Amino acid sequence: MQELAEKIANVSIAAEVLRRVEHEYEPITAEARERLHEALREAHRAGASYGLLGRIVGLSRQRVARIVNG
């Protein structure tokens, strides 16, 4: 359970970084987007649902599923 909590925290951090980048730079850097996508994949592998991850980052569960599944 602690691993899942850590992965979810990483998703939250990556999402916050992406939001900050959006405010400072246009367009969003590929690196920031990939960091978020990898954090989503890791959290999902650790047991987080698409719905939970979507709520954390402000995306639909379907969009999160597409990101996680490539």
PDB file of N, CA and C in Angstrom:
ATOM      1  N   MET A   1       0.816  -1.190   0.000  1.00  0.00           N
ATOM      2  CA  MET A   1       0.000   0.000   0.000  1.00  0.00           C
ATOM      3  C   MET A   1       0.862   1.257   0.000  1.00  0.00           C
ATOM      4  N   GLN A   2       1.995   1.206   0.698  1.00  0.00           N
ATOM      5  CA  GLN A   2       2.877   2.366   0.723  1.00  0.00           C
ATOM      6  C   GLN A   2       3.420   2.647  -0.671  1.00  0.00           C
ATOM      7  N   GLU A   3       3.724   1.587  -1.433  1.00  0.00           N
ATOM      8  CA  GLU A   3       4.215   1.779  -2.801  1.00  0.00           C
ATOM      9  C   GLU A   3       3.177   2.513  -3.628  1.00  0.00           C
ATOM     10  N   LEU A   4       1.909   2.140  -3.508  1.00  0.00           N
ATOM     11  CA  LEU A   4       0.843   2.807  -4.240  1.00  0.00           C
ATOM     12  C   LEU A   4       0.769   4.276  -3.842  1.00  0.00           C
ATOM     13  N   ALA A   5       0.845   4.569  -2.559  1.00  0.00           N
ATOM     14  CA  ALA A   5       0.789   5.955  -2.095  1.00  0.00           C
ATOM     15  C   ALA A   5       1.942   6.765  -2.667  1.00  0.00           C
ATOM     16  N   GLU A   6       3.116   6.168  -2.724  1.00  0.00           N
ATOM     17  CA  GLU A   6       4.276   6.862  -3.293  1.00  0.00           C
ATOM     18  C   GLU A   6       4.079   7.125  -4.783  1.00  0.00           C
ATOM     19  N   LYS A   7       3.548   6.159  -5.498  1.00  0.00           N
ATOM     20  CA  LYS A   7       3.311   6.327  -6.935  1.00  0.00           C
ATOM     21  C   LYS A   7       2.270   7.404  -7.188  1.00  0.00           C
ATOM     22  N   ILE A   8       1.223   7.432  -6.367  1.00  0.00           N
ATOM     23  CA  ILE A   8       0.195   8.455  -6.514  1.00  0.00           C
ATOM     24  C   ILE A   8       0.782   9.828  -6.208  1.00  0.00           C
ATOM     25  N   ALA A   9       1.630   9.913  -5.209  1.00  0.00           N
ATOM     26  CA  ALA A   9       2.296  11.186  -4.910  1.00  0.00           C
ATOM     27  C   ALA A   9       3.149  11.634  -6.092  1.00  0.00           C
ATOM     28  N   ASN A  10       3.819  10.697  -6.755  1.00  0.00           N
ATOM     29  CA  ASN A  10       4.620  11.040  -7.929  1.00  0.00           C
ATOM     30  C   ASN A  10       3.757  11.571  -9.062  1.00  0.00           C
ATOM     31  N   VAL A  11       2.558  11.002  -9.229  1.00  0.00           N
ATOM     32  CA  VAL A  11       1.632  11.504 -10.241  1.00  0.00           C
ATOM     33  C   VAL A  11       1.250  12.944  -9.922  1.00  0.00           C
ATOM     34  N   SER A  12       0.934  13.186  -8.675  1.00  0.00           N
ATOM     35  CA  SER A  12       0.544  14.530  -8.257  1.00  0.00           C
ATOM     36  C   SER A  12       1.671  15.529  -8.502  1.00  0.00           C
ATOM     37  N   ILE A  13       2.878  15.143  -8.179  1.00  0.00           N
ATOM     38  CA  ILE A  13       4.037  16.020  -8.400  1.00  0.00           C
ATOM     39  C   ILE A  13       4.235  16.287  -9.886  1.00  0.00           C
ATOM     40  N   ALA A  14       4.170  15.242 -10.694  1.00  0.00           N
ATOM     41  CA  ALA A  14       4.350  15.406 -12.131  1.00  0.00           C
ATOM     42  C   ALA A  14       3.265  16.295 -12.731  1.00  0.00           C
ATOM     43  N   ALA A  15       2.035  16.149 -12.253  1.00  0.00           N
ATOM     44  CA  ALA A  15       0.939  16.978 -12.737  1.00  0.00           C
ATOM     45  C   ALA A  15       1.164  18.444 -12.361  1.00  0.00           C
ATOM     46  N   GLU A  16       1.652  18.682 -11.159  1.00  0.00           N
ATOM     47  CA  GLU A  16       1.929  20.051 -10.725  1.00  0.00           C
ATOM     48  C   GLU A  16       3.046  20.663 -11.562  1.00  0.00           C
ATOM     49  N   VAL A  17       4.077  19.896 -11.843  1.00  0.00           N
ATOM     50  CA  VAL A  17       5.161  20.386 -12.705  1.00  0.00           C
ATOM     51  C   VAL A  17       4.602  20.750 -14.074  1.00  0.00           C
ATOM     52  N   LEU A  18       3.749  19.888 -14.622  1.00  0.00           N
ATOM     53  CA  LEU A  18       3.165  20.149 -15.925  1.00  0.00           C
ATOM     54  C   LEU A  18       2.328  21.427 -15.898  1.00  0.00           C
ATOM     55  N   ARG A  19       1.544  21.632 -14.839  1.00  0.00           N
ATOM     56  CA  ARG A  19       0.741  22.857 -14.730  1.00  0.00           C
ATOM     57  C   ARG A  19       1.635  24.094 -14.687  1.00  0.00           C
ATOM     58  N   ARG A  20       2.731  24.016 -13.945  1.00  0.00           N
ATOM     59  CA  ARG A  20       3.653  25.146 -13.872  1.00  0.00           C
ATOM     60  C   ARG A  20       4.296  25.418 -15.226  1.00  0.00           C
ATOM     61  N   VAL A  21       4.670  24.358 -15.910  1.00  0.00           N
ATOM     62  CA  VAL A  21       5.271  24.519 -17.232  1.00  0.00           C
ATOM     63  C   VAL A  21       4.275  25.164 -18.187  1.00  0.00           C
ATOM     64  N   GLU A  22       3.012  24.754 -18.113  1.00  0.00           N
ATOM     65  CA  GLU A  22       1.989  25.334 -18.983  1.00  0.00           C
ATOM     66  C   GLU A  22       1.875  26.832 -18.793  1.00  0.00           C
ATOM     67  N   HIS A  23       2.025  27.300 -17.557  1.00  0.00           N
ATOM     68  CA  HIS A  23       1.910  28.729 -17.282  1.00  0.00           C
ATOM     69  C   HIS A  23       3.135  29.501 -17.748  1.00  0.00           C
ATOM     70  N   GLU A  24       4.278  28.867 -17.767  1.00  0.00           N
ATOM     71  CA  GLU A  24       5.516  29.566 -18.089  1.00  0.00           C
ATOM     72  C   GLU A  24       5.957  29.413 -19.537  1.00  0.00           C
ATOM     73  N   TYR A  25       5.618  28.307 -20.162  1.00  0.00           N
ATOM     74  CA  TYR A  25       6.123  28.019 -21.495  1.00  0.00           C
ATOM     75  C   TYR A  25       5.005  27.547 -22.402  1.00  0.00           C
ATOM     76  N   GLU A  26       5.095  27.893 -23.651  1.00  0.00           N
ATOM     77  CA  GLU A  26       4.196  27.350 -24.674  1.00  0.00           C
ATOM     78  C   GLU A  26       5.059  26.823 -25.783  1.00  0.00           C
ATOM     79  N   PRO A  27       4.843  25.696 -26.302  1.00  0.00           N
ATOM     80  CA  PRO A  27       3.944  24.652 -25.813  1.00  0.00           C
ATOM     81  C   PRO A  27       4.584  23.873 -24.672  1.00  0.00           C
ATOM     82  N   ILE A  28       3.835  22.962 -24.122  1.00  0.00           N
ATOM     83  CA  ILE A  28       4.334  22.112 -23.042  1.00  0.00           C
ATOM     84  C   ILE A  28       5.505  21.303 -23.584  1.00  0.00           C
ATOM     85  N   THR A  29       6.543  21.201 -22.806  1.00  0.00           N
ATOM     86  CA  THR A  29       7.696  20.443 -23.263  1.00  0.00           C
ATOM     87  C   THR A  29       7.373  18.955 -23.306  1.00  0.00           C
ATOM     88  N   ALA A  30       7.975  18.289 -24.249  1.00  0.00           N
ATOM     89  CA  ALA A  30       7.778  16.842 -24.368  1.00  0.00           C
ATOM     90  C   ALA A  30       8.288  16.132 -23.120  1.00  0.00           C
ATOM     91  N   GLU A  31       9.341  16.664 -22.529  1.00  0.00           N
ATOM     92  CA  GLU A  31       9.906  16.057 -21.316  1.00  0.00           C
ATOM     93  C   GLU A  31       8.914  16.103 -20.160  1.00  0.00           C
ATOM     94  N   ALA A  32       8.252  17.234 -19.964  1.00  0.00           N
ATOM     95  CA  ALA A  32       7.278  17.359 -18.877  1.00  0.00           C
ATOM     96  C   ALA A  32       6.088  16.427 -19.104  1.00  0.00           C
ATOM     97  N   ARG A  33       5.636  16.354 -20.340  1.00  0.00           N
ATOM     98  CA  ARG A  33       4.507  15.480 -20.657  1.00  0.00           C
ATOM     99  C   ARG A  33       4.893  14.016 -20.431  1.00  0.00           C
ATOM    100  N   GLU A  34       6.090  13.624 -20.849  1.00  0.00           N
ATOM    101  CA  GLU A  34       6.526  12.230 -20.675  1.00  0.00           C
ATOM    102  C   GLU A  34       6.706  11.900 -19.200  1.00  0.00           C
ATOM    103  N   ARG A  35       7.162  12.860 -18.407  1.00  0.00           N
ATOM    104  CA  ARG A  35       7.300  12.634 -16.961  1.00  0.00           C
ATOM    105  C   ARG A  35       5.946  12.307 -16.350  1.00  0.00           C
ATOM    106  N   LEU A  36       4.926  13.054 -16.738  1.00  0.00           N
ATOM    107  CA  LEU A  36       3.580  12.788 -16.231  1.00  0.00           C
ATOM    108  C   LEU A  36       3.087  11.424 -16.701  1.00  0.00           C
ATOM    109  N   HIS A  37       3.280  11.124 -17.971  1.00  0.00           N
ATOM    110  CA  HIS A  37       2.811   9.842 -18.507  1.00  0.00           C
ATOM    111  C   HIS A  37       3.483   8.670 -17.802  1.00  0.00           C
ATOM    112  N   GLU A  38       4.770   8.773 -17.554  1.00  0.00           N
ATOM    113  CA  GLU A  38       5.474   7.686 -16.867  1.00  0.00           C
ATOM    114  C   GLU A  38       4.989   7.555 -15.425  1.00  0.00           C
ATOM    115  N   ALA A  39       4.738   8.677 -14.768  1.00  0.00           N
ATOM    116  CA  ALA A  39       4.224   8.628 -13.401  1.00  0.00           C
ATOM    117  C   ALA A  39       2.849   7.963 -13.372  1.00  0.00           C
ATOM    118  N   LEU A  40       2.008   8.266 -14.370  1.00  0.00           N
ATOM    119  CA  LEU A  40       0.696   7.619 -14.458  1.00  0.00           C
ATOM    120  C   LEU A  40       0.846   6.113 -14.652  1.00  0.00           C
ATOM    121  N   ARG A  41       1.753   5.706 -15.528  1.00  0.00           N
ATOM    122  CA  ARG A  41       1.967   4.274 -15.766  1.00  0.00           C
ATOM    123  C   ARG A  41       2.429   3.569 -14.493  1.00  0.00           C
ATOM    124  N   GLU A  42       3.371   4.170 -13.793  1.00  0.00           N
ATOM    125  CA  GLU A  42       3.903   3.558 -12.570  1.00  0.00           C
ATOM    126  C   GLU A  42       2.824   3.446 -11.500  1.00  0.00           C
ATOM    127  N   ALA A  43       2.035   4.491 -11.332  1.00  0.00           N
ATOM    128  CA  ALA A  43       0.979   4.461 -10.318  1.00  0.00           C
ATOM    129  C   ALA A  43      -0.068   3.408 -10.669  1.00  0.00           C
ATOM    130  N   HIS A  44      -0.395   3.289 -11.942  1.00  0.00           N
ATOM    131  CA  HIS A  44      -1.374   2.285 -12.347  1.00  0.00           C
ATOM    132  C   HIS A  44      -0.827   0.881 -12.105  1.00  0.00           C
ATOM    133  N   ARG A  45       0.439   0.648 -12.439  1.00  0.00           N
ATOM    134  CA  ARG A  45       1.043  -0.672 -12.185  1.00  0.00           C
ATOM    135  C   ARG A  45       1.042  -1.002 -10.696  1.00  0.00           C
ATOM    136  N   ALA A  46       1.121   0.030  -9.864  1.00  0.00           N
ATOM    137  CA  ALA A  46       1.127  -0.181  -8.418  1.00  0.00           C
ATOM    138  C   ALA A  46      -0.282  -0.377  -7.864  1.00  0.00           C
ATOM    139  N   GLY A  47      -1.313  -0.175  -8.698  1.00  0.00           N
ATOM    140  CA  GLY A  47      -2.672  -0.460  -8.260  1.00  0.00           C
ATOM    141  C   GLY A  47      -3.656   0.684  -8.309  1.00  0.00           C
ATOM    142  N   ALA A  48      -3.240   1.874  -8.696  1.00  0.00           N
ATOM    143  CA  ALA A  48      -4.171   3.004  -8.772  1.00  0.00           C
ATOM    144  C   ALA A  48      -5.100   2.829  -9.972  1.00  0.00           C
ATOM    145  N   SER A  49      -6.350   3.172  -9.791  1.00  0.00           N
ATOM    146  CA  SER A  49      -7.325   3.047 -10.881  1.00  0.00           C
ATOM    147  C   SER A  49      -7.198   4.227 -11.845  1.00  0.00           C
ATOM    148  N   TYR A  50      -7.701   4.012 -13.069  1.00  0.00           N
ATOM    149  CA  TYR A  50      -7.706   5.094 -14.047  1.00  0.00           C
ATOM    150  C   TYR A  50      -8.517   6.280 -13.526  1.00  0.00           C
ATOM    151  N   GLY A  51      -9.629   5.988 -12.877  1.00  0.00           N
ATOM    152  CA  GLY A  51     -10.486   7.051 -12.354  1.00  0.00           C
ATOM    153  C   GLY A  51      -9.792   7.899 -11.307  1.00  0.00           C
ATOM    154  N   LEU A  52      -9.108   7.242 -10.371  1.00  0.00           N
ATOM    155  CA  LEU A  52      -8.388   7.981  -9.333  1.00  0.00           C
ATOM    156  C   LEU A  52      -7.298   8.845  -9.956  1.00  0.00           C
ATOM    157  N   LEU A  53      -6.535   8.267 -10.856  1.00  0.00           N
ATOM    158  CA  LEU A  53      -5.459   9.027 -11.493  1.00  0.00           C
ATOM    159  C   LEU A  53      -6.012  10.193 -12.297  1.00  0.00           C
ATOM    160  N   GLY A  54      -7.122   9.969 -12.968  1.00  0.00           N
ATOM    161  CA  GLY A  54      -7.750  11.042 -13.732  1.00  0.00           C
ATOM    162  C   GLY A  54      -8.177  12.192 -12.848  1.00  0.00           C
ATOM    163  N   ARG A  55      -8.743  11.878 -11.688  1.00  0.00           N
ATOM    164  CA  ARG A  55      -9.151  12.938 -10.753  1.00  0.00           C
ATOM    165  C   ARG A  55      -7.952  13.722 -10.250  1.00  0.00           C
ATOM    166  N   ILE A  56      -6.845  13.051 -10.036  1.00  0.00           N
ATOM    167  CA  ILE A  56      -5.645  13.725  -9.536  1.00  0.00           C
ATOM    168  C   ILE A  56      -5.115  14.722 -10.554  1.00  0.00           C
ATOM    169  N   VAL A  57      -5.093  14.329 -11.823  1.00  0.00           N
ATOM    170  CA  VAL A  57      -4.466  15.183 -12.843  1.00  0.00           C
ATOM    171  C   VAL A  57      -5.453  15.964 -13.696  1.00  0.00           C
ATOM    172  N   GLY A  58      -6.747  15.765 -13.462  1.00  0.00           N
ATOM    173  CA  GLY A  58      -7.740  16.530 -14.201  1.00  0.00           C
ATOM    174  C   GLY A  58      -8.006  16.006 -15.606  1.00  0.00           C
ATOM    175  N   LEU A  59      -7.899  14.688 -15.789  1.00  0.00           N
ATOM    176  CA  LEU A  59      -8.199  14.053 -17.069  1.00  0.00           C
ATOM    177  C   LEU A  59      -9.298  13.018 -16.859  1.00  0.00           C
ATOM    178  N   SER A  60      -9.942  12.632 -17.956  1.00  0.00           N
ATOM    179  CA  SER A  60     -10.942  11.568 -17.851  1.00  0.00           C
ATOM    180  C   SER A  60     -10.236  10.238 -17.636  1.00  0.00           C
ATOM    181  N   ARG A  61     -10.966   9.281 -17.075  1.00  0.00           N
ATOM    182  CA  ARG A  61     -10.364   7.966 -16.865  1.00  0.00           C
ATOM    183  C   ARG A  61     -10.032   7.321 -18.200  1.00  0.00           C
ATOM    184  N   GLN A  62     -10.811   7.626 -19.233  1.00  0.00           N
ATOM    185  CA  GLN A  62     -10.533   7.076 -20.553  1.00  0.00           C
ATOM    186  C   GLN A  62      -9.212   7.612 -21.108  1.00  0.00           C
ATOM    187  N   ARG A  63      -8.969   8.910 -20.915  1.00  0.00           N
ATOM    188  CA  ARG A  63      -7.711   9.505 -21.389  1.00  0.00           C
ATOM    189  C   ARG A  63      -6.532   8.896 -20.632  1.00  0.00           C
ATOM    190  N   VAL A  64      -6.680   8.720 -19.325  1.00  0.00           N
ATOM    191  CA  VAL A  64      -5.619   8.109 -18.536  1.00  0.00           C
ATOM    192  C   VAL A  64      -5.354   6.685 -19.033  1.00  0.00           C
ATOM    193  N   ALA A  65      -6.406   5.945 -19.331  1.00  0.00           N
ATOM    194  CA  ALA A  65      -6.241   4.583 -19.834  1.00  0.00           C
ATOM    195  C   ALA A  65      -5.461   4.577 -21.147  1.00  0.00           C
ATOM    196  N   ARG A  66      -5.766   5.531 -22.031  1.00  0.00           N
ATOM    197  CA  ARG A  66      -5.028   5.606 -23.295  1.00  0.00           C
ATOM    198  C   ARG A  66      -3.562   5.937 -23.063  1.00  0.00           C
ATOM    199  N   ILE A  67      -3.279   6.819 -22.130  1.00  0.00           N
ATOM    200  CA  ILE A  67      -1.893   7.172 -21.823  1.00  0.00           C
ATOM    201  C   ILE A  67      -1.160   5.957 -21.248  1.00  0.00           C
ATOM    202  N   VAL A  68      -1.778   5.312 -20.273  1.00  0.00           N
ATOM    203  CA  VAL A  68      -1.143   4.168 -19.603  1.00  0.00           C
ATOM    204  C   VAL A  68      -0.890   3.032 -20.589  1.00  0.00           C
ATOM    205  N   ASN A  69      -1.824   2.793 -21.482  1.00  0.00           N
ATOM    206  CA  ASN A  69      -1.719   1.666 -22.404  1.00  0.00           C
ATOM    207  C   ASN A  69      -1.000   2.011 -23.704  1.00  0.00           C
ATOM    208  N   GLY A  70      -0.516   3.249 -23.785  1.00  0.00           N
ATOM    209  CA  GLY A  70       0.284   3.644 -24.945  1.00  0.00           C
ATOM    210  C   GLY A  70      -0.520   3.890 -26.160  1.00  0.00           C
TER     211      GLY A  70
END
